[in-house]
N, C-alpha and C. Protein backbone atom coordinates (compact mmCIF):
# COMPACT_ATOMS: atom_id res chain seq x y z
N MET A 1 -14.36 1.74 11.09
CA MET A 1 -13.59 1.23 12.20
C MET A 1 -13.05 2.38 13.06
N LEU A 2 -12.64 3.46 12.44
CA LEU A 2 -12.13 4.59 13.21
C LEU A 2 -13.26 5.46 13.77
N ARG A 3 -14.42 5.40 13.15
CA ARG A 3 -15.56 6.19 13.64
C ARG A 3 -16.39 5.45 14.67
N GLN A 4 -16.29 4.12 14.69
CA GLN A 4 -16.98 3.30 15.68
C GLN A 4 -15.96 2.91 16.75
N PRO A 5 -16.24 3.18 18.02
CA PRO A 5 -15.25 2.87 19.06
C PRO A 5 -14.85 1.40 19.06
N GLN A 6 -13.55 1.16 19.15
CA GLN A 6 -12.99 -0.19 19.24
C GLN A 6 -12.22 -0.29 20.54
N LYS A 7 -12.01 -1.51 21.01
CA LYS A 7 -11.23 -1.71 22.24
C LYS A 7 -9.75 -1.48 21.99
N ALA A 8 -9.30 -1.80 20.78
CA ALA A 8 -7.87 -1.71 20.48
C ALA A 8 -7.66 -1.22 19.06
N TYR A 9 -6.55 -0.54 18.85
CA TYR A 9 -6.16 -0.05 17.54
C TYR A 9 -4.67 -0.33 17.34
N VAL A 10 -4.29 -0.56 16.09
CA VAL A 10 -2.89 -0.66 15.71
C VAL A 10 -2.64 0.40 14.66
N LEU A 11 -1.72 1.29 14.95
CA LEU A 11 -1.30 2.31 13.99
C LEU A 11 0.02 1.83 13.41
N PHE A 12 0.14 1.88 12.08
CA PHE A 12 1.31 1.28 11.44
C PHE A 12 1.98 2.24 10.47
N GLY A 13 3.30 2.26 10.49
CA GLY A 13 4.08 2.94 9.47
C GLY A 13 4.09 4.44 9.53
N GLY A 14 3.98 5.02 10.69
CA GLY A 14 4.01 6.47 10.77
C GLY A 14 2.64 7.11 10.64
N ALA A 15 1.57 6.32 10.78
CA ALA A 15 0.22 6.89 10.75
C ALA A 15 0.07 7.86 11.91
N GLU A 16 -0.39 9.06 11.61
CA GLU A 16 -0.59 10.09 12.62
C GLU A 16 -1.99 10.68 12.42
N PRO A 17 -3.01 10.04 12.99
CA PRO A 17 -4.39 10.48 12.75
C PRO A 17 -4.65 11.94 13.08
N TRP A 18 -4.01 12.49 14.10
CA TRP A 18 -4.20 13.90 14.47
C TRP A 18 -3.67 14.83 13.40
N ALA A 19 -2.75 14.39 12.59
CA ALA A 19 -2.21 15.21 11.50
C ALA A 19 -2.82 14.86 10.15
N ASP A 20 -3.31 13.63 10.03
CA ASP A 20 -3.80 13.15 8.74
C ASP A 20 -5.30 13.30 8.55
N SER A 21 -6.04 13.61 9.61
CA SER A 21 -7.49 13.64 9.50
C SER A 21 -8.09 14.67 10.45
N PRO A 22 -9.13 15.35 10.02
CA PRO A 22 -9.78 16.32 10.91
C PRO A 22 -10.90 15.68 11.74
N ASP A 23 -11.02 14.37 11.73
CA ASP A 23 -12.14 13.68 12.35
C ASP A 23 -11.96 13.61 13.87
N ASP A 24 -12.65 14.51 14.59
CA ASP A 24 -12.53 14.55 16.05
C ASP A 24 -13.02 13.27 16.70
N ALA A 25 -14.07 12.65 16.14
CA ALA A 25 -14.60 11.40 16.71
C ALA A 25 -13.54 10.31 16.66
N MET A 26 -12.80 10.25 15.57
CA MET A 26 -11.74 9.25 15.44
C MET A 26 -10.69 9.45 16.52
N LEU A 27 -10.29 10.68 16.76
CA LEU A 27 -9.27 10.96 17.77
C LEU A 27 -9.79 10.61 19.17
N LYS A 28 -11.04 10.92 19.44
CA LYS A 28 -11.63 10.57 20.74
C LYS A 28 -11.67 9.06 20.92
N ASN A 29 -11.99 8.32 19.85
CA ASN A 29 -12.01 6.86 19.92
C ASN A 29 -10.63 6.30 20.21
N LEU A 30 -9.61 6.86 19.59
CA LEU A 30 -8.24 6.41 19.86
C LEU A 30 -7.87 6.66 21.32
N GLN A 31 -8.22 7.84 21.82
CA GLN A 31 -7.87 8.18 23.19
C GLN A 31 -8.64 7.35 24.21
N ALA A 32 -9.84 6.90 23.85
CA ALA A 32 -10.67 6.11 24.77
C ALA A 32 -10.39 4.61 24.69
N ALA A 33 -9.64 4.18 23.71
CA ALA A 33 -9.39 2.74 23.52
C ALA A 33 -8.61 2.16 24.70
N GLN A 34 -8.85 0.89 24.95
CA GLN A 34 -8.13 0.19 26.02
C GLN A 34 -6.67 -0.04 25.64
N LEU A 35 -6.42 -0.18 24.32
CA LEU A 35 -5.06 -0.45 23.86
C LEU A 35 -4.83 0.20 22.50
N VAL A 36 -3.77 0.97 22.39
CA VAL A 36 -3.33 1.52 21.11
C VAL A 36 -1.86 1.15 20.96
N VAL A 37 -1.57 0.36 19.93
CA VAL A 37 -0.19 -0.04 19.63
C VAL A 37 0.22 0.73 18.38
N ALA A 38 1.34 1.40 18.45
CA ALA A 38 1.85 2.16 17.31
C ALA A 38 3.17 1.56 16.86
N MET A 39 3.21 1.12 15.62
CA MET A 39 4.45 0.67 15.00
C MET A 39 4.87 1.81 14.09
N THR A 40 5.92 2.52 14.48
CA THR A 40 6.22 3.78 13.82
C THR A 40 7.70 4.13 13.87
N PRO A 41 8.18 4.89 12.89
CA PRO A 41 9.55 5.40 12.97
C PRO A 41 9.64 6.70 13.77
N PHE A 42 8.49 7.27 14.17
CA PHE A 42 8.47 8.57 14.84
C PHE A 42 7.70 8.50 16.16
N ALA A 43 8.22 9.14 17.19
CA ALA A 43 7.55 9.18 18.49
C ALA A 43 7.21 10.64 18.81
N SER A 44 6.10 11.12 18.26
CA SER A 44 5.69 12.51 18.50
C SER A 44 5.02 12.64 19.86
N GLU A 45 4.85 13.88 20.32
CA GLU A 45 4.17 14.12 21.59
C GLU A 45 2.76 13.55 21.56
N GLU A 46 2.05 13.75 20.44
CA GLU A 46 0.69 13.24 20.31
C GLU A 46 0.66 11.72 20.39
N LEU A 47 1.61 11.09 19.75
CA LEU A 47 1.67 9.63 19.76
C LEU A 47 1.97 9.12 21.17
N LEU A 48 2.91 9.76 21.85
CA LEU A 48 3.25 9.36 23.21
C LEU A 48 2.05 9.52 24.15
N ALA A 49 1.20 10.50 23.88
CA ALA A 49 0.02 10.72 24.71
C ALA A 49 -1.12 9.77 24.37
N THR A 50 -1.09 9.17 23.18
CA THR A 50 -2.20 8.32 22.71
C THR A 50 -1.90 6.84 22.82
N ALA A 51 -0.71 6.43 22.41
CA ALA A 51 -0.38 5.01 22.32
C ALA A 51 0.05 4.44 23.68
N HIS A 52 -0.34 3.20 23.92
CA HIS A 52 0.06 2.49 25.12
C HIS A 52 1.38 1.75 24.89
N VAL A 53 1.62 1.37 23.64
CA VAL A 53 2.84 0.63 23.27
C VAL A 53 3.38 1.23 21.97
N LEU A 54 4.67 1.52 21.95
CA LEU A 54 5.34 1.95 20.73
C LEU A 54 6.36 0.90 20.34
N LEU A 55 6.28 0.44 19.10
CA LEU A 55 7.25 -0.50 18.56
C LEU A 55 7.99 0.22 17.44
N PRO A 56 9.30 0.40 17.57
CA PRO A 56 10.04 1.16 16.56
C PRO A 56 10.25 0.37 15.28
N ILE A 57 9.79 0.94 14.18
CA ILE A 57 10.03 0.35 12.86
C ILE A 57 10.74 1.36 11.99
N GLY A 58 11.39 0.88 10.96
CA GLY A 58 12.08 1.76 10.03
C GLY A 58 11.09 2.49 9.14
N SER A 59 11.53 3.57 8.58
CA SER A 59 10.71 4.31 7.62
C SER A 59 10.70 3.56 6.28
N PHE A 60 9.92 4.06 5.35
CA PHE A 60 9.85 3.42 4.03
C PHE A 60 11.22 3.33 3.37
N ALA A 61 12.12 4.26 3.68
CA ALA A 61 13.44 4.27 3.06
C ALA A 61 14.41 3.33 3.74
N GLU A 62 14.00 2.75 4.88
CA GLU A 62 14.89 1.89 5.64
C GLU A 62 14.49 0.42 5.57
N THR A 63 13.74 0.07 4.57
CA THR A 63 13.34 -1.32 4.40
C THR A 63 13.19 -1.63 2.92
N SER A 64 13.30 -2.88 2.60
CA SER A 64 13.02 -3.29 1.22
C SER A 64 11.52 -3.48 1.08
N GLY A 65 11.05 -3.50 -0.12
CA GLY A 65 9.62 -3.71 -0.33
C GLY A 65 9.26 -3.66 -1.80
N THR A 66 7.98 -3.59 -2.05
CA THR A 66 7.46 -3.57 -3.42
C THR A 66 6.22 -2.70 -3.48
N TYR A 67 6.17 -1.86 -4.47
CA TYR A 67 4.96 -1.09 -4.78
C TYR A 67 4.36 -1.69 -6.05
N VAL A 68 3.06 -1.62 -6.15
CA VAL A 68 2.38 -2.02 -7.38
C VAL A 68 1.69 -0.77 -7.90
N ASN A 69 2.06 -0.33 -9.10
CA ASN A 69 1.47 0.89 -9.62
C ASN A 69 0.11 0.62 -10.26
N LEU A 70 -0.54 1.67 -10.71
CA LEU A 70 -1.88 1.54 -11.28
C LEU A 70 -1.91 0.72 -12.57
N GLU A 71 -0.78 0.60 -13.20
CA GLU A 71 -0.68 -0.22 -14.40
C GLU A 71 -0.53 -1.70 -14.06
N GLY A 72 -0.32 -1.99 -12.76
CA GLY A 72 -0.12 -3.37 -12.33
C GLY A 72 1.33 -3.80 -12.34
N LEU A 73 2.25 -2.87 -12.55
CA LEU A 73 3.68 -3.18 -12.58
C LEU A 73 4.21 -3.27 -11.14
N TRP A 74 4.83 -4.40 -10.82
CA TRP A 74 5.41 -4.62 -9.50
C TRP A 74 6.81 -4.02 -9.50
N GLN A 75 7.08 -3.09 -8.57
CA GLN A 75 8.36 -2.39 -8.52
C GLN A 75 9.00 -2.62 -7.15
N SER A 76 10.02 -3.47 -7.12
CA SER A 76 10.70 -3.80 -5.87
C SER A 76 11.90 -2.89 -5.67
N PHE A 77 12.27 -2.71 -4.41
CA PHE A 77 13.38 -1.83 -4.07
C PHE A 77 14.06 -2.33 -2.80
N ALA A 78 15.29 -1.93 -2.63
CA ALA A 78 16.05 -2.25 -1.41
C ALA A 78 16.01 -1.03 -0.50
N GLY A 79 16.21 -1.25 0.79
CA GLY A 79 16.29 -0.12 1.72
C GLY A 79 17.51 0.73 1.41
N ALA A 80 17.35 2.04 1.52
CA ALA A 80 18.45 2.95 1.23
C ALA A 80 19.40 3.09 2.42
N ALA A 81 18.91 2.76 3.61
CA ALA A 81 19.72 2.87 4.83
C ALA A 81 19.23 1.83 5.83
N ALA A 82 20.05 1.57 6.82
CA ALA A 82 19.63 0.65 7.89
C ALA A 82 18.68 1.39 8.83
N PRO A 83 17.70 0.70 9.41
CA PRO A 83 16.82 1.36 10.38
C PRO A 83 17.62 1.91 11.55
N TYR A 84 17.13 2.98 12.13
CA TYR A 84 17.80 3.69 13.22
C TYR A 84 17.75 2.89 14.52
N LYS A 85 18.86 2.77 15.18
CA LYS A 85 19.01 2.11 16.48
C LYS A 85 18.27 0.78 16.57
N ASP A 86 17.25 0.69 17.44
CA ASP A 86 16.55 -0.57 17.69
C ASP A 86 15.40 -0.83 16.72
N ALA A 87 15.15 0.07 15.80
CA ALA A 87 14.04 -0.11 14.85
C ALA A 87 14.32 -1.29 13.92
N ARG A 88 13.25 -1.91 13.46
CA ARG A 88 13.32 -3.02 12.52
C ARG A 88 12.34 -2.75 11.39
N PRO A 89 12.54 -3.36 10.23
CA PRO A 89 11.54 -3.21 9.16
C PRO A 89 10.17 -3.65 9.67
N GLY A 90 9.13 -2.93 9.26
CA GLY A 90 7.79 -3.20 9.74
C GLY A 90 7.33 -4.64 9.52
N TRP A 91 7.65 -5.22 8.36
CA TRP A 91 7.21 -6.59 8.09
C TRP A 91 7.82 -7.56 9.09
N LYS A 92 9.06 -7.27 9.55
CA LYS A 92 9.70 -8.16 10.52
C LYS A 92 9.01 -8.07 11.88
N VAL A 93 8.61 -6.87 12.26
CA VAL A 93 7.90 -6.71 13.54
C VAL A 93 6.58 -7.46 13.48
N LEU A 94 5.86 -7.35 12.37
CA LEU A 94 4.60 -8.08 12.21
C LEU A 94 4.84 -9.59 12.26
N ARG A 95 5.91 -10.03 11.60
CA ARG A 95 6.23 -11.46 11.61
C ARG A 95 6.49 -11.97 13.02
N VAL A 96 7.27 -11.23 13.79
CA VAL A 96 7.59 -11.65 15.16
C VAL A 96 6.32 -11.66 16.02
N LEU A 97 5.47 -10.66 15.88
CA LEU A 97 4.22 -10.65 16.64
C LEU A 97 3.36 -11.87 16.27
N GLY A 98 3.28 -12.17 14.98
CA GLY A 98 2.54 -13.35 14.54
C GLY A 98 3.11 -14.63 15.12
N ASN A 99 4.44 -14.73 15.17
CA ASN A 99 5.10 -15.90 15.76
C ASN A 99 4.82 -16.00 17.26
N LEU A 100 4.90 -14.87 17.96
CA LEU A 100 4.65 -14.87 19.41
C LEU A 100 3.21 -15.26 19.74
N LEU A 101 2.29 -14.93 18.84
CA LEU A 101 0.88 -15.28 19.04
C LEU A 101 0.53 -16.64 18.45
N ASP A 102 1.53 -17.35 17.93
CA ASP A 102 1.34 -18.67 17.32
C ASP A 102 0.31 -18.64 16.19
N LEU A 103 0.33 -17.58 15.40
CA LEU A 103 -0.58 -17.46 14.27
C LEU A 103 0.03 -18.13 13.04
N PRO A 104 -0.78 -18.78 12.22
CA PRO A 104 -0.25 -19.39 10.99
C PRO A 104 0.05 -18.31 9.95
N GLY A 105 1.00 -18.61 9.07
CA GLY A 105 1.29 -17.72 7.95
C GLY A 105 2.30 -16.63 8.24
N PHE A 106 3.10 -16.78 9.28
CA PHE A 106 4.10 -15.77 9.62
C PHE A 106 5.51 -16.36 9.59
N GLU A 107 5.78 -17.18 8.57
CA GLU A 107 7.07 -17.84 8.49
C GLU A 107 8.04 -17.14 7.53
N TYR A 108 7.73 -15.95 7.11
CA TYR A 108 8.54 -15.25 6.11
C TYR A 108 9.94 -14.96 6.64
N GLN A 109 10.91 -15.08 5.75
CA GLN A 109 12.29 -14.78 6.10
C GLN A 109 12.80 -13.51 5.42
N SER A 110 12.03 -12.99 4.46
CA SER A 110 12.44 -11.77 3.76
C SER A 110 11.21 -11.07 3.20
N SER A 111 11.38 -9.80 2.87
CA SER A 111 10.27 -9.08 2.24
C SER A 111 9.95 -9.67 0.86
N GLU A 112 10.95 -10.31 0.26
CA GLU A 112 10.71 -10.97 -1.03
C GLU A 112 9.77 -12.16 -0.86
N ASP A 113 9.86 -12.87 0.27
CA ASP A 113 8.92 -13.96 0.56
C ASP A 113 7.49 -13.44 0.64
N VAL A 114 7.34 -12.31 1.31
CA VAL A 114 6.01 -11.68 1.44
C VAL A 114 5.50 -11.30 0.05
N ARG A 115 6.35 -10.64 -0.72
CA ARG A 115 5.98 -10.21 -2.08
C ARG A 115 5.58 -11.40 -2.94
N ASP A 116 6.37 -12.46 -2.91
CA ASP A 116 6.10 -13.61 -3.77
C ASP A 116 4.76 -14.26 -3.43
N GLU A 117 4.45 -14.37 -2.13
CA GLU A 117 3.15 -14.95 -1.76
C GLU A 117 2.00 -14.04 -2.18
N LEU A 118 2.17 -12.76 -1.97
CA LEU A 118 1.12 -11.82 -2.37
C LEU A 118 0.92 -11.83 -3.89
N ARG A 119 2.01 -11.94 -4.61
CA ARG A 119 1.91 -12.00 -6.08
C ARG A 119 1.10 -13.21 -6.53
N LYS A 120 1.31 -14.35 -5.87
CA LYS A 120 0.53 -15.55 -6.19
C LYS A 120 -0.95 -15.32 -5.90
N LEU A 121 -1.24 -14.71 -4.76
CA LEU A 121 -2.63 -14.47 -4.38
C LEU A 121 -3.31 -13.47 -5.31
N CYS A 122 -2.53 -12.55 -5.87
CA CYS A 122 -3.08 -11.52 -6.75
C CYS A 122 -3.13 -11.94 -8.22
N ALA A 123 -2.56 -13.09 -8.54
CA ALA A 123 -2.47 -13.52 -9.95
C ALA A 123 -3.84 -13.54 -10.62
N ALA A 124 -4.86 -14.02 -9.94
CA ALA A 124 -6.19 -14.08 -10.53
C ALA A 124 -6.76 -12.69 -10.76
N LEU A 125 -6.43 -11.74 -9.90
CA LEU A 125 -6.93 -10.38 -10.05
C LEU A 125 -6.32 -9.68 -11.27
N ALA A 126 -5.09 -10.05 -11.59
CA ALA A 126 -4.38 -9.39 -12.68
C ALA A 126 -4.70 -10.00 -14.04
N ALA A 127 -5.60 -10.97 -14.08
CA ALA A 127 -5.89 -11.64 -15.34
C ALA A 127 -6.43 -10.68 -16.40
N GLU A 128 -7.24 -9.71 -15.99
CA GLU A 128 -7.77 -8.74 -16.93
C GLU A 128 -7.26 -7.36 -16.56
N PRO A 129 -6.48 -6.74 -17.43
CA PRO A 129 -5.95 -5.42 -17.12
C PRO A 129 -7.05 -4.36 -17.09
N TYR A 130 -6.82 -3.33 -16.35
CA TYR A 130 -7.77 -2.23 -16.25
C TYR A 130 -7.91 -1.58 -17.62
N ALA A 131 -9.15 -1.40 -18.05
CA ALA A 131 -9.40 -0.88 -19.39
C ALA A 131 -9.72 0.61 -19.40
N GLY A 132 -9.76 1.23 -18.26
CA GLY A 132 -9.95 2.68 -18.23
C GLY A 132 -11.36 3.15 -18.04
N SER A 133 -12.30 2.27 -17.80
CA SER A 133 -13.66 2.75 -17.55
C SER A 133 -14.12 2.25 -16.18
N HIS A 134 -14.53 3.17 -15.39
CA HIS A 134 -15.02 2.85 -14.05
C HIS A 134 -16.18 3.78 -13.77
N PRO A 135 -17.33 3.24 -13.39
CA PRO A 135 -18.47 4.12 -13.14
C PRO A 135 -18.21 5.06 -11.97
N VAL A 136 -18.59 6.30 -12.13
CA VAL A 136 -18.43 7.28 -11.07
C VAL A 136 -19.65 7.18 -10.16
N ASN A 137 -19.42 7.05 -8.88
CA ASN A 137 -20.49 6.89 -7.91
C ASN A 137 -21.38 8.12 -7.85
N GLY A 138 -20.80 9.30 -7.74
CA GLY A 138 -21.56 10.53 -7.69
C GLY A 138 -22.11 10.83 -6.31
N ALA A 139 -21.90 9.96 -5.34
CA ALA A 139 -22.40 10.20 -3.99
C ALA A 139 -21.57 11.29 -3.31
N ALA A 140 -22.20 12.00 -2.40
CA ALA A 140 -21.49 13.03 -1.65
C ALA A 140 -20.44 12.37 -0.77
N PRO A 141 -19.31 13.04 -0.53
CA PRO A 141 -18.27 12.46 0.32
C PRO A 141 -18.80 12.27 1.75
N ALA A 142 -18.23 11.31 2.44
CA ALA A 142 -18.66 10.99 3.81
C ALA A 142 -18.30 12.10 4.80
N GLY A 143 -17.31 12.88 4.48
CA GLY A 143 -16.87 13.94 5.38
C GLY A 143 -16.26 15.06 4.58
N PRO A 144 -15.64 16.01 5.25
CA PRO A 144 -15.04 17.13 4.52
C PRO A 144 -13.85 16.66 3.67
N LEU A 145 -13.64 17.34 2.57
CA LEU A 145 -12.47 17.09 1.74
C LEU A 145 -11.41 18.10 2.16
N ILE A 146 -10.19 17.61 2.35
CA ILE A 146 -9.12 18.49 2.81
C ILE A 146 -7.99 18.45 1.80
N ASP A 147 -7.58 19.62 1.38
CA ASP A 147 -6.45 19.76 0.46
C ASP A 147 -5.24 20.18 1.29
N PHE A 148 -4.39 19.20 1.67
CA PHE A 148 -3.18 19.47 2.43
C PHE A 148 -2.10 19.98 1.50
N ASN A 149 -1.18 20.79 2.04
CA ASN A 149 -0.05 21.13 1.20
C ASN A 149 0.85 19.90 1.09
N MET A 150 1.65 19.86 0.04
CA MET A 150 2.40 18.64 -0.25
C MET A 150 3.42 18.28 0.83
N TYR A 151 3.81 19.24 1.66
CA TYR A 151 4.78 18.93 2.71
C TYR A 151 4.12 18.62 4.04
N GLN A 152 2.83 18.30 4.01
CA GLN A 152 2.10 17.79 5.17
C GLN A 152 1.53 16.41 4.87
N ALA A 153 1.91 15.85 3.72
CA ALA A 153 1.29 14.62 3.22
C ALA A 153 1.64 13.38 4.03
N ASP A 154 2.79 13.34 4.67
CA ASP A 154 3.14 12.16 5.44
C ASP A 154 4.08 12.53 6.59
N ALA A 155 4.31 11.57 7.46
CA ALA A 155 5.09 11.81 8.67
C ALA A 155 6.53 12.21 8.38
N THR A 156 7.09 11.75 7.29
CA THR A 156 8.48 12.07 6.98
C THR A 156 8.63 13.53 6.55
N VAL A 157 7.84 13.98 5.59
CA VAL A 157 7.99 15.36 5.13
C VAL A 157 7.54 16.37 6.17
N ARG A 158 6.62 16.00 7.05
CA ARG A 158 6.21 16.91 8.13
C ARG A 158 7.36 17.23 9.06
N ARG A 159 8.36 16.36 9.11
CA ARG A 159 9.50 16.54 10.01
C ARG A 159 10.72 17.15 9.31
N ALA A 160 10.57 17.64 8.12
CA ALA A 160 11.69 18.24 7.39
C ALA A 160 11.62 19.76 7.51
N PRO A 161 12.40 20.36 8.42
CA PRO A 161 12.34 21.81 8.62
C PRO A 161 12.58 22.60 7.33
N SER A 162 13.50 22.12 6.50
CA SER A 162 13.79 22.85 5.25
C SER A 162 12.57 22.89 4.34
N LEU A 163 11.78 21.81 4.29
CA LEU A 163 10.57 21.81 3.47
C LEU A 163 9.49 22.70 4.08
N GLN A 164 9.40 22.70 5.41
CA GLN A 164 8.37 23.51 6.07
C GLN A 164 8.62 25.01 5.91
N ARG A 165 9.87 25.40 5.66
CA ARG A 165 10.19 26.82 5.48
C ARG A 165 9.91 27.33 4.06
N THR A 166 9.63 26.44 3.13
CA THR A 166 9.35 26.87 1.76
C THR A 166 7.96 27.51 1.68
N ARG A 167 7.69 28.21 0.59
CA ARG A 167 6.37 28.81 0.38
C ARG A 167 5.29 27.72 0.40
N GLU A 168 5.54 26.61 -0.27
CA GLU A 168 4.56 25.52 -0.31
C GLU A 168 4.35 24.91 1.08
N GLY A 169 5.42 24.86 1.87
CA GLY A 169 5.33 24.28 3.21
C GLY A 169 4.53 25.12 4.18
N ARG A 170 4.35 26.40 3.89
CA ARG A 170 3.61 27.29 4.78
C ARG A 170 2.14 27.44 4.40
N ILE A 171 1.71 26.80 3.33
CA ILE A 171 0.31 26.90 2.89
C ILE A 171 -0.57 26.11 3.84
N ALA A 172 -1.62 26.77 4.34
CA ALA A 172 -2.55 26.10 5.26
C ALA A 172 -3.47 25.16 4.48
N PRO A 173 -3.94 24.09 5.13
CA PRO A 173 -4.88 23.18 4.46
C PRO A 173 -6.18 23.92 4.11
N VAL A 174 -6.80 23.49 3.02
CA VAL A 174 -8.08 24.05 2.60
C VAL A 174 -9.13 22.96 2.80
N ILE A 175 -10.20 23.30 3.52
CA ILE A 175 -11.27 22.34 3.77
C ILE A 175 -12.46 22.72 2.92
N TYR A 176 -12.97 21.75 2.15
CA TYR A 176 -14.11 21.99 1.27
C TYR A 176 -15.36 21.40 1.88
């Protein structure tokens, strides 16, 4: 989808393709798109130059939600802080967009409603726990492998000056 030109793209949750991927074709496709909507807690110069619409959402720490770990354990959490200024939790922005477009299935009132419905849909998948054996494909990767330093891994840590000043924060990415 990112390598084949699309008319429109939605970037969600602080996705920053120019920082997260070396794929020049993907960046050209984003810049050539008729519409790029970014739902993000951050408005970088690159994002302002690429996106046609910015919708402010809270960061992962500013919303409630649930992670499912590799063991299949559902781990719910509350937001640690309120979203900044006009930002809203991402799920709420998606819900409002769904309502404005008169799409079915956007009647959620809380992130717990979203979690509960997803849990029901996933119940059949969880019937057999992972047993630890998965065949290795062995195929060559589709593109270069990049080893980013740990303080370039996401939009939040990239914006932490104290982390960027550490020895680990100054390590350049390694491309294999």
